[in-house]
All heavy atoms as atom14 arrays in JSON, in Angstrom:
{
  "sequence": "WPARIAAGICLVAAPAITGLNANTIRSRLAEGHSLGGRNLTEL",
  "atom14_mask": [
    [1, 1, 1, 1, 1, 1, 1, 1, 1, 1, 1, 1, 1, 1],
    [1, 1, 1, 1, 1, 1, 1, 0, 0, 0, 0, 0, 0, 0],
    [1, 1, 1, 1, 1, 0, 0, 0, 0, 0, 0, 0, 0, 0],
    [1, 1, 1, 1, 1, 1, 1, 1, 1, 1, 1, 0, 0, 0],
    [1, 1, 1, 1, 1, 1, 1, 1, 0, 0, 0, 0, 0, 0],
    [1, 1, 1, 1, 1, 0, 0, 0, 0, 0, 0, 0, 0, 0],
    [1, 1, 1, 1, 1, 0, 0, 0, 0, 0, 0, 0, 0, 0],
    [1, 1, 1, 1, 0, 0, 0, 0, 0, 0, 0, 0, 0, 0],
    [1, 1, 1, 1, 1, 1, 1, 1, 0, 0, 0, 0, 0, 0],
    [1, 1, 1, 1, 1, 1, 0, 0, 0, 0, 0, 0, 0, 0],
    [1, 1, 1, 1, 1, 1, 1, 1, 0, 0, 0, 0, 0, 0],
    [1, 1, 1, 1, 1, 1, 1, 0, 0, 0, 0, 0, 0, 0],
    [1, 1, 1, 1, 1, 0, 0, 0, 0, 0, 0, 0, 0, 0],
    [1, 1, 1, 1, 1, 0, 0, 0, 0, 0, 0, 0, 0, 0],
    [1, 1, 1, 1, 1, 1, 1, 0, 0, 0, 0, 0, 0, 0],
    [1, 1, 1, 1, 1, 0, 0, 0, 0, 0, 0, 0, 0, 0],
    [1, 1, 1, 1, 1, 1, 1, 1, 0, 0, 0, 0, 0, 0],
    [1, 1, 1, 1, 1, 1, 1, 0, 0, 0, 0, 0, 0, 0],
    [1, 1, 1, 1, 0, 0, 0, 0, 0, 0, 0, 0, 0, 0],
    [1, 1, 1, 1, 1, 1, 1, 1, 0, 0, 0, 0, 0, 0],
    [1, 1, 1, 1, 1, 1, 1, 1, 0, 0, 0, 0, 0, 0],
    [1, 1, 1, 1, 1, 0, 0, 0, 0, 0, 0, 0, 0, 0],
    [1, 1, 1, 1, 1, 1, 1, 1, 0, 0, 0, 0, 0, 0],
    [1, 1, 1, 1, 1, 1, 1, 0, 0, 0, 0, 0, 0, 0],
    [1, 1, 1, 1, 1, 1, 1, 1, 0, 0, 0, 0, 0, 0],
    [1, 1, 1, 1, 1, 1, 1, 1, 1, 1, 1, 0, 0, 0],
    [1, 1, 1, 1, 1, 1, 0, 0, 0, 0, 0, 0, 0, 0],
    [1, 1, 1, 1, 1, 1, 1, 1, 1, 1, 1, 0, 0, 0],
    [1, 1, 1, 1, 1, 1, 1, 1, 0, 0, 0, 0, 0, 0],
    [1, 1, 1, 1, 1, 0, 0, 0, 0, 0, 0, 0, 0, 0],
    [1, 1, 1, 1, 1, 1, 1, 1, 1, 0, 0, 0, 0, 0],
    [1, 1, 1, 1, 0, 0, 0, 0, 0, 0, 0, 0, 0, 0],
    [1, 1, 1, 1, 1, 1, 1, 1, 1, 1, 0, 0, 0, 0],
    [1, 1, 1, 1, 1, 1, 0, 0, 0, 0, 0, 0, 0, 0],
    [1, 1, 1, 1, 1, 1, 1, 1, 0, 0, 0, 0, 0, 0],
    [1, 1, 1, 1, 0, 0, 0, 0, 0, 0, 0, 0, 0, 0],
    [1, 1, 1, 1, 0, 0, 0, 0, 0, 0, 0, 0, 0, 0],
    [1, 1, 1, 1, 1, 1, 1, 1, 1, 1, 1, 0, 0, 0],
    [1, 1, 1, 1, 1, 1, 1, 1, 0, 0, 0, 0, 0, 0],
    [1, 1, 1, 1, 1, 1, 1, 1, 0, 0, 0, 0, 0, 0],
    [1, 1, 1, 1, 1, 1, 1, 0, 0, 0, 0, 0, 0, 0],
    [1, 1, 1, 1, 1, 1, 1, 1, 1, 0, 0, 0, 0, 0],
    [1, 1, 1, 1, 1, 1, 1, 1, 0, 0, 0, 0, 0, 0]
  ],
  "atom14_positions": [
    [[8.65, -53.7, 7.76], [7.51, -53.24, 6.86], [7.8, -51.91, 6.16], [7.42, -51.69, 4.96], [6.24, -53.2, 7.66], [6.21, -52.24, 8.83], [6.44, -52.41, 10.08], [5.89, -50.8, 8.62], [6.33, -51.23, 10.76], [5.93, -50.23, 9.91], [5.49, -50.04, 7.57], [5.66, -48.89, 10.18], [5.11, -48.74, 7.81], [5.24, -48.08, 9.15]],
    [[8.58, -50.94, 6.78], [8.89, -49.72, 5.97], [9.76, -50.08, 4.68], [9.58, -49.36, 3.71], [9.68, -48.87, 6.94], [9.24, -49.39, 8.23], [8.98, -50.8, 8.15], [0.0, 0.0, 0.0], [0.0, 0.0, 0.0], [0.0, 0.0, 0.0], [0.0, 0.0, 0.0], [0.0, 0.0, 0.0], [0.0, 0.0, 0.0], [0.0, 0.0, 0.0]],
    [[10.52, -51.08, 4.7], [11.35, -51.52, 3.55], [10.37, -51.98, 2.47], [10.62, -51.65, 1.24], [12.3, -52.61, 3.95], [0.0, 0.0, 0.0], [0.0, 0.0, 0.0], [0.0, 0.0, 0.0], [0.0, 0.0, 0.0], [0.0, 0.0, 0.0], [0.0, 0.0, 0.0], [0.0, 0.0, 0.0], [0.0, 0.0, 0.0], [0.0, 0.0, 0.0]],
    [[9.39, -52.63, 2.71], [8.34, -53.08, 1.75], [7.62, -51.8, 1.15], [7.24, -51.85, 0.02], [7.43, -54.04, 2.43], [7.97, -55.24, 2.98], [7.15, -56.06, 3.79], [7.87, -57.14, 4.6], [7.42, -57.9, 5.6], [6.24, -57.59, 6.06], [8.18, -58.76, 6.14], [0.0, 0.0, 0.0], [0.0, 0.0, 0.0], [0.0, 0.0, 0.0]],
    [[7.44, -50.84, 2.04], [6.82, -49.69, 1.5], [7.76, -49.0, 0.47], [7.37, -48.46, -0.56], [6.45, -48.69, 2.63], [5.31, -49.23, 3.52], [6.11, -47.28, 2.16], [4.97, -48.37, 4.72], [0.0, 0.0, 0.0], [0.0, 0.0, 0.0], [0.0, 0.0, 0.0], [0.0, 0.0, 0.0], [0.0, 0.0, 0.0], [0.0, 0.0, 0.0]],
    [[9.09, -48.91, 0.89], [10.03, -48.35, -0.07], [10.04, -49.09, -1.35], [10.2, -48.49, -2.5], [11.44, -48.4, 0.6], [0.0, 0.0, 0.0], [0.0, 0.0, 0.0], [0.0, 0.0, 0.0], [0.0, 0.0, 0.0], [0.0, 0.0, 0.0], [0.0, 0.0, 0.0], [0.0, 0.0, 0.0], [0.0, 0.0, 0.0], [0.0, 0.0, 0.0]],
    [[10.01, -50.49, -1.29], [9.94, -51.21, -2.64], [8.76, -50.93, -3.32], [8.74, -50.79, -4.57], [9.91, -52.75, -2.23], [0.0, 0.0, 0.0], [0.0, 0.0, 0.0], [0.0, 0.0, 0.0], [0.0, 0.0, 0.0], [0.0, 0.0, 0.0], [0.0, 0.0, 0.0], [0.0, 0.0, 0.0], [0.0, 0.0, 0.0], [0.0, 0.0, 0.0]],
    [[7.54, -50.78, -2.62], [6.31, -50.45, -3.31], [6.43, -49.05, -4.02], [5.84, -48.81, -5.08], [0.0, 0.0, 0.0], [0.0, 0.0, 0.0], [0.0, 0.0, 0.0], [0.0, 0.0, 0.0], [0.0, 0.0, 0.0], [0.0, 0.0, 0.0], [0.0, 0.0, 0.0], [0.0, 0.0, 0.0], [0.0, 0.0, 0.0], [0.0, 0.0, 0.0]],
    [[7.02, -48.08, -3.29], [7.28, -46.74, -3.88], [7.82, -46.82, -5.24], [7.62, -46.18, -6.23], [8.0, -45.79, -2.89], [7.12, -45.54, -1.66], [8.38, -44.49, -3.61], [7.85, -44.71, -0.6], [0.0, 0.0, 0.0], [0.0, 0.0, 0.0], [0.0, 0.0, 0.0], [0.0, 0.0, 0.0], [0.0, 0.0, 0.0], [0.0, 0.0, 0.0]],
    [[9.12, -47.5, -5.29], [9.91, -47.63, -6.42], [9.31, -48.48, -7.52], [9.33, -48.16, -8.74], [11.24, -48.15, -6.02], [12.29, -47.01, -5.08], [0.0, 0.0, 0.0], [0.0, 0.0, 0.0], [0.0, 0.0, 0.0], [0.0, 0.0, 0.0], [0.0, 0.0, 0.0], [0.0, 0.0, 0.0], [0.0, 0.0, 0.0], [0.0, 0.0, 0.0]],
    [[8.77, -49.64, -7.13], [8.31, -50.57, -8.19], [6.85, -50.51, -8.64], [6.45, -51.04, -9.68], [8.52, -52.04, -7.61], [9.93, -52.41, -7.13], [10.02, -53.77, -6.64], [10.91, -52.12, -8.31], [0.0, 0.0, 0.0], [0.0, 0.0, 0.0], [0.0, 0.0, 0.0], [0.0, 0.0, 0.0], [0.0, 0.0, 0.0], [0.0, 0.0, 0.0]],
    [[6.13, -49.72, -7.82], [4.68, -49.47, -8.13], [4.27, -48.06, -8.37], [3.86, -47.59, -9.37], [3.71, -50.22, -7.03], [2.24, -49.88, -7.39], [4.0, -51.61, -7.01], [0.0, 0.0, 0.0], [0.0, 0.0, 0.0], [0.0, 0.0, 0.0], [0.0, 0.0, 0.0], [0.0, 0.0, 0.0], [0.0, 0.0, 0.0], [0.0, 0.0, 0.0]],
    [[4.53, -47.29, -7.26], [4.15, -45.85, -7.28], [4.86, -45.03, -8.38], [4.25, -44.31, -9.14], [4.36, -45.28, -5.97], [0.0, 0.0, 0.0], [0.0, 0.0, 0.0], [0.0, 0.0, 0.0], [0.0, 0.0, 0.0], [0.0, 0.0, 0.0], [0.0, 0.0, 0.0], [0.0, 0.0, 0.0], [0.0, 0.0, 0.0], [0.0, 0.0, 0.0]],
    [[6.21, -45.11, -8.43], [6.91, -44.32, -9.35], [6.55, -44.72, -10.82], [6.35, -43.76, -11.6], [8.42, -44.52, -9.12], [0.0, 0.0, 0.0], [0.0, 0.0, 0.0], [0.0, 0.0, 0.0], [0.0, 0.0, 0.0], [0.0, 0.0, 0.0], [0.0, 0.0, 0.0], [0.0, 0.0, 0.0], [0.0, 0.0, 0.0], [0.0, 0.0, 0.0]],
    [[6.5, -45.97, -11.23], [6.13, -46.27, -12.64], [4.66, -45.82, -12.94], [4.4, -45.35, -14.05], [6.21, -47.81, -12.63], [7.24, -48.18, -11.69], [7.04, -47.2, -10.57], [0.0, 0.0, 0.0], [0.0, 0.0, 0.0], [0.0, 0.0, 0.0], [0.0, 0.0, 0.0], [0.0, 0.0, 0.0], [0.0, 0.0, 0.0], [0.0, 0.0, 0.0]],
    [[3.87, -45.91, -11.86], [2.4, -45.46, -12.01], [2.38, -43.91, -12.24], [1.5, -43.43, -13.15], [1.62, -45.81, -10.85], [0.0, 0.0, 0.0], [0.0, 0.0, 0.0], [0.0, 0.0, 0.0], [0.0, 0.0, 0.0], [0.0, 0.0, 0.0], [0.0, 0.0, 0.0], [0.0, 0.0, 0.0], [0.0, 0.0, 0.0], [0.0, 0.0, 0.0]],
    [[3.19, -43.18, -11.52], [3.15, -41.68, -11.72], [3.77, -41.38, -13.1], [3.24, -40.49, -13.73], [4.1, -41.06, -10.73], [3.52, -41.23, -9.25], [4.38, -39.61, -11.0], [4.42, -40.76, -8.15], [0.0, 0.0, 0.0], [0.0, 0.0, 0.0], [0.0, 0.0, 0.0], [0.0, 0.0, 0.0], [0.0, 0.0, 0.0], [0.0, 0.0, 0.0]],
    [[4.76, -42.13, -13.52], [5.22, -41.98, -14.94], [4.21, -42.26, -15.98], [4.09, -41.49, -16.9], [6.51, -42.86, -15.21], [7.48, -42.62, -14.17], [7.04, -42.65, -16.6], [0.0, 0.0, 0.0], [0.0, 0.0, 0.0], [0.0, 0.0, 0.0], [0.0, 0.0, 0.0], [0.0, 0.0, 0.0], [0.0, 0.0, 0.0], [0.0, 0.0, 0.0]],
    [[3.46, -43.28, -15.64], [2.44, -43.63, -16.6], [1.28, -42.56, -16.67], [0.81, -42.16, -17.7], [0.0, 0.0, 0.0], [0.0, 0.0, 0.0], [0.0, 0.0, 0.0], [0.0, 0.0, 0.0], [0.0, 0.0, 0.0], [0.0, 0.0, 0.0], [0.0, 0.0, 0.0], [0.0, 0.0, 0.0], [0.0, 0.0, 0.0], [0.0, 0.0, 0.0]],
    [[0.94, -42.03, -15.58], [-0.02, -40.96, -15.47], [0.44, -39.66, -16.21], [-0.32, -39.02, -16.95], [-0.35, -40.59, -14.01], [-1.27, -41.63, -13.24], [-1.41, -41.25, -11.78], [-2.57, -41.78, -13.9], [0.0, 0.0, 0.0], [0.0, 0.0, 0.0], [0.0, 0.0, 0.0], [0.0, 0.0, 0.0], [0.0, 0.0, 0.0], [0.0, 0.0, 0.0]],
    [[1.79, -39.32, -15.96], [2.32, -38.21, -16.63], [2.33, -38.33, -18.18], [2.03, -37.48, -18.91], [3.78, -37.97, -16.17], [3.81, -37.58, -14.73], [2.86, -37.01, -14.26], [4.95, -37.57, -14.12], [0.0, 0.0, 0.0], [0.0, 0.0, 0.0], [0.0, 0.0, 0.0], [0.0, 0.0, 0.0], [0.0, 0.0, 0.0], [0.0, 0.0, 0.0]],
    [[2.65, -39.62, -18.65], [2.69, -39.91, -20.04], [1.38, -39.81, -20.64], [1.16, -39.12, -21.75], [3.29, -41.31, -20.21], [0.0, 0.0, 0.0], [0.0, 0.0, 0.0], [0.0, 0.0, 0.0], [0.0, 0.0, 0.0], [0.0, 0.0, 0.0], [0.0, 0.0, 0.0], [0.0, 0.0, 0.0], [0.0, 0.0, 0.0], [0.0, 0.0, 0.0]],
    [[0.35, -40.29, -19.96], [-0.99, -40.16, -20.51], [-1.48, -38.74, -20.61], [-2.15, -38.32, -21.54], [-1.92, -40.96, -19.63], [-3.37, -41.17, -20.19], [-3.46, -41.79, -21.25], [-4.32, -40.78, -19.5], [0.0, 0.0, 0.0], [0.0, 0.0, 0.0], [0.0, 0.0, 0.0], [0.0, 0.0, 0.0], [0.0, 0.0, 0.0], [0.0, 0.0, 0.0]],
    [[-1.15, -37.86, -19.55], [-1.51, -36.52, -19.6], [-0.89, -35.78, -20.71], [-1.47, -34.92, -21.37], [-1.16, -35.87, -18.2], [-1.85, -36.49, -17.14], [-1.43, -34.46, -18.19], [0.0, 0.0, 0.0], [0.0, 0.0, 0.0], [0.0, 0.0, 0.0], [0.0, 0.0, 0.0], [0.0, 0.0, 0.0], [0.0, 0.0, 0.0], [0.0, 0.0, 0.0]],
    [[0.46, -36.1, -20.97], [1.27, -35.39, -21.99], [0.64, -35.77, -23.32], [0.51, -34.92, -24.21], [2.79, -35.82, -21.94], [3.31, -35.12, -20.66], [3.44, -35.35, -23.16], [4.68, -35.64, -20.33], [0.0, 0.0, 0.0], [0.0, 0.0, 0.0], [0.0, 0.0, 0.0], [0.0, 0.0, 0.0], [0.0, 0.0, 0.0], [0.0, 0.0, 0.0]],
    [[0.27, -37.05, -23.56], [-0.33, -37.42, -24.86], [-1.52, -36.67, -25.04], [-1.83, -36.17, -26.29], [-0.52, -38.98, -24.86], [-1.08, -39.47, -26.21], [-1.34, -40.92, -26.18], [-2.46, -41.24, -25.28], [-2.88, -42.53, -25.01], [-2.36, -43.48, -25.62], [-3.77, -42.73, -24.19], [0.0, 0.0, 0.0], [0.0, 0.0, 0.0], [0.0, 0.0, 0.0]],
    [[-2.45, -36.51, -24.04], [-3.69, -35.76, -24.24], [-3.43, -34.31, -24.59], [-4.09, -33.72, -25.48], [-4.48, -35.93, -22.92], [-4.83, -37.26, -22.64], [0.0, 0.0, 0.0], [0.0, 0.0, 0.0], [0.0, 0.0, 0.0], [0.0, 0.0, 0.0], [0.0, 0.0, 0.0], [0.0, 0.0, 0.0], [0.0, 0.0, 0.0], [0.0, 0.0, 0.0]],
    [[-2.4, -33.79, -23.89], [-2.11, -32.26, -24.08], [-1.58, -32.11, -25.55], [-1.8, -31.12, -26.23], [-1.19, -31.78, -23.02], [-1.83, -31.66, -21.68], [-0.93, -31.09, -20.68], [-0.45, -29.67, -21.0], [-1.16, -28.62, -20.82], [-2.32, -28.69, -20.14], [-0.63, -27.43, -21.1], [0.0, 0.0, 0.0], [0.0, 0.0, 0.0], [0.0, 0.0, 0.0]],
    [[-0.71, -33.03, -25.92], [-0.17, -32.96, -27.27], [-1.26, -33.09, -28.34], [-1.33, -32.35, -29.4], [0.93, -34.03, -27.47], [2.24, -33.69, -26.7], [3.1, -34.87, -27.06], [2.86, -32.51, -27.29], [0.0, 0.0, 0.0], [0.0, 0.0, 0.0], [0.0, 0.0, 0.0], [0.0, 0.0, 0.0], [0.0, 0.0, 0.0], [0.0, 0.0, 0.0]],
    [[-2.29, -33.89, -28.06], [-3.34, -34.1, -29.05], [-4.22, -32.89, -29.15], [-4.8, -32.69, -30.11], [-4.3, -35.37, -28.57], [0.0, 0.0, 0.0], [0.0, 0.0, 0.0], [0.0, 0.0, 0.0], [0.0, 0.0, 0.0], [0.0, 0.0, 0.0], [0.0, 0.0, 0.0], [0.0, 0.0, 0.0], [0.0, 0.0, 0.0], [0.0, 0.0, 0.0]],
    [[-4.27, -32.1, -28.0], [-5.05, -30.83, -28.01], [-4.16, -29.72, -28.63], [-4.68, -28.62, -28.72], [-5.29, -30.51, -26.61], [-6.27, -31.5, -25.95], [-6.41, -31.28, -24.44], [-5.83, -30.27, -23.95], [-7.21, -31.96, -23.8], [0.0, 0.0, 0.0], [0.0, 0.0, 0.0], [0.0, 0.0, 0.0], [0.0, 0.0, 0.0], [0.0, 0.0, 0.0]],
    [[-2.97, -29.99, -29.05], [-2.17, -28.91, -29.76], [-1.27, -28.25, -28.78], [-0.58, -27.17, -29.25], [0.0, 0.0, 0.0], [0.0, 0.0, 0.0], [0.0, 0.0, 0.0], [0.0, 0.0, 0.0], [0.0, 0.0, 0.0], [0.0, 0.0, 0.0], [0.0, 0.0, 0.0], [0.0, 0.0, 0.0], [0.0, 0.0, 0.0], [0.0, 0.0, 0.0]],
    [[-1.03, -28.56, -27.57], [-0.15, -27.95, -26.67], [1.31, -28.27, -27.08], [1.53, -29.39, -27.61], [-0.43, -28.27, -25.23], [-1.74, -27.79, -24.79], [-1.98, -26.5, -24.21], [-2.96, -28.43, -24.58], [-3.3, -26.39, -23.9], [-3.83, -27.56, -24.05], [0.0, 0.0, 0.0], [0.0, 0.0, 0.0], [0.0, 0.0, 0.0], [0.0, 0.0, 0.0]],
    [[2.27, -27.36, -26.63], [3.6, -27.66, -26.94], [4.3, -28.25, -25.81], [3.96, -28.14, -24.7], [4.39, -26.32, -27.22], [5.75, -26.49, -27.46], [0.0, 0.0, 0.0], [0.0, 0.0, 0.0], [0.0, 0.0, 0.0], [0.0, 0.0, 0.0], [0.0, 0.0, 0.0], [0.0, 0.0, 0.0], [0.0, 0.0, 0.0], [0.0, 0.0, 0.0]],
    [[5.4, -29.04, -26.12], [6.15, -29.69, -25.1], [7.08, -28.68, -24.35], [7.49, -28.97, -23.28], [7.05, -30.77, -25.71], [6.42, -32.01, -26.01], [7.41, -32.94, -26.81], [5.85, -32.77, -24.82], [0.0, 0.0, 0.0], [0.0, 0.0, 0.0], [0.0, 0.0, 0.0], [0.0, 0.0, 0.0], [0.0, 0.0, 0.0], [0.0, 0.0, 0.0]],
    [[7.44, -27.63, -24.97], [8.38, -26.57, -24.39], [9.73, -27.18, -24.27], [10.47, -26.86, -23.26], [0.0, 0.0, 0.0], [0.0, 0.0, 0.0], [0.0, 0.0, 0.0], [0.0, 0.0, 0.0], [0.0, 0.0, 0.0], [0.0, 0.0, 0.0], [0.0, 0.0, 0.0], [0.0, 0.0, 0.0], [0.0, 0.0, 0.0], [0.0, 0.0, 0.0]],
    [[10.14, -27.96, -25.25], [11.61, -28.49, -25.17], [11.69, -29.67, -24.21], [12.92, -30.12, -23.97], [0.0, 0.0, 0.0], [0.0, 0.0, 0.0], [0.0, 0.0, 0.0], [0.0, 0.0, 0.0], [0.0, 0.0, 0.0], [0.0, 0.0, 0.0], [0.0, 0.0, 0.0], [0.0, 0.0, 0.0], [0.0, 0.0, 0.0], [0.0, 0.0, 0.0]],
    [[10.67, -30.18, -23.72], [10.73, -31.35, -22.78], [11.13, -32.66, -23.61], [10.6, -32.97, -24.66], [9.44, -31.56, -22.03], [9.5, -32.51, -20.96], [8.04, -32.48, -20.26], [7.98, -33.34, -19.07], [6.94, -33.4, -18.3], [5.83, -32.88, -18.66], [6.95, -34.26, -17.23], [0.0, 0.0, 0.0], [0.0, 0.0, 0.0], [0.0, 0.0, 0.0]],
    [[12.04, -33.4, -23.0], [12.52, -34.62, -23.62], [11.68, -35.77, -23.09], [11.8, -36.06, -21.84], [13.9, -34.9, -23.28], [14.6, -36.07, -24.1], [13.83, -36.91, -24.48], [15.88, -36.06, -24.38], [0.0, 0.0, 0.0], [0.0, 0.0, 0.0], [0.0, 0.0, 0.0], [0.0, 0.0, 0.0], [0.0, 0.0, 0.0], [0.0, 0.0, 0.0]],
    [[10.82, -36.4, -23.87], [9.98, -37.43, -23.45], [10.56, -38.76, -23.01], [9.95, -39.64, -22.37], [8.82, -37.62, -24.39], [7.93, -36.44, -24.69], [6.8, -36.86, -25.75], [7.25, -36.0, -23.39], [0.0, 0.0, 0.0], [0.0, 0.0, 0.0], [0.0, 0.0, 0.0], [0.0, 0.0, 0.0], [0.0, 0.0, 0.0], [0.0, 0.0, 0.0]],
    [[11.82, -38.95, -23.46], [12.58, -40.21, -23.07], [12.98, -40.14, -21.57], [13.33, -41.15, -21.14], [13.73, -40.47, -23.97], [14.68, -39.29, -23.79], [13.37, -40.5, -25.39], [0.0, 0.0, 0.0], [0.0, 0.0, 0.0], [0.0, 0.0, 0.0], [0.0, 0.0, 0.0], [0.0, 0.0, 0.0], [0.0, 0.0, 0.0], [0.0, 0.0, 0.0]],
    [[12.86, -38.88, -20.97], [13.31, -38.81, -19.6], [12.19, -38.72, -18.55], [12.35, -38.34, -17.39], [14.2, -37.57, -19.55], [15.38, -37.61, -20.39], [16.31, -36.47, -20.1], [16.07, -35.6, -19.31], [17.42, -36.42, -20.68], [0.0, 0.0, 0.0], [0.0, 0.0, 0.0], [0.0, 0.0, 0.0], [0.0, 0.0, 0.0], [0.0, 0.0, 0.0]],
    [[11.06, -39.24, -18.99], [9.87, -39.11, -17.97], [10.17, -39.9, -16.85], [9.88, -39.39, -15.62], [8.62, -39.65, -18.71], [7.84, -38.76, -19.66], [6.64, -39.41, -20.16], [7.59, -37.39, -19.09], [0.0, 0.0, 0.0], [0.0, 0.0, 0.0], [0.0, 0.0, 0.0], [0.0, 0.0, 0.0], [0.0, 0.0, 0.0], [0.0, 0.0, 0.0]]
  ]
}
């Protein structure tokens, strides 16, 4: 069962975290904040 948790971490949790980060960044950019040189292709 820990292996299934590991699969869930990679296939569900990590993409979800990336999605939340992307949504937050889009909102901050819409508010006029700067990226500070961050490369968005590497989220």
